[in-house]
Structure formats: structure tokens, C-alpha cells
């Protein structure tokens, strides 16, 4: 049973170091993407702003309404803003996850390193 007391701090130290390494990579990657990368569409090609028929229902019947150029331009600008917001939010979330791993891994590593010394 004495070997478990010797192995546990070493395993804890290694796990802490792995968590710190992964957290550092995630934080660096997300930070660099936020600083240098251009927002790109995340969900692929969005066709919501193309000329689509909209229907207006009335007692007389259906009426097809085409999107005006102004509505289409407004729709495209809204879509671009939405994509940029999603890009930023996604990478801020990744940055938070990376920092969390750094903190938890650092604490884990520090605690087991102290136990290893004793």
C-alpha cells in the first residue's frame, strides 16, 4: 500500500500539468483568433436574405410579396452582424474554458506537487 502513496502525487502532478498545457493552448488559440481572425460564417451559406416569396393572407386570397432591394440589404447587414456576434461569443466562450483549465490545472498541479515533496 505504500506504493499508492508514492504514485498518487505523481499522477496528480501529471494530470495538473496536462490540464495547464491544454488550457494554455486553448487560451492562446482563442485569444489569437479574437485578435487576428476575420469572422467567417459558422453555419455555412445562409439563404435567408435571398429573394424569397412571402405570402400575405387576406380574405380575398394569397398575395405574393417580393423582398425589396432595401429589405434585402438590411437583411444582409443584420445577418453579417449576427455572424460577427456569434464568432466573438464562440471564441470568448473558448477563452473562458481555456482560462478555467489553466486555473484548475494550476491548482491541481500545485496541491499534488506539495504532497509529492512531503
Foldseek 3Di string as FASTA:
>chain_A
DVVCLQVVLVVLLVQLVVLQVQLVVLQVVLVCCVVPNDQDADPPDDPPLPFDWDWDQDPVGIDTDTQDPVNSVVVVVVVVVVSVVVSNVVSVVSNVVSVVSNVVSVVSNVVSVVSNVD
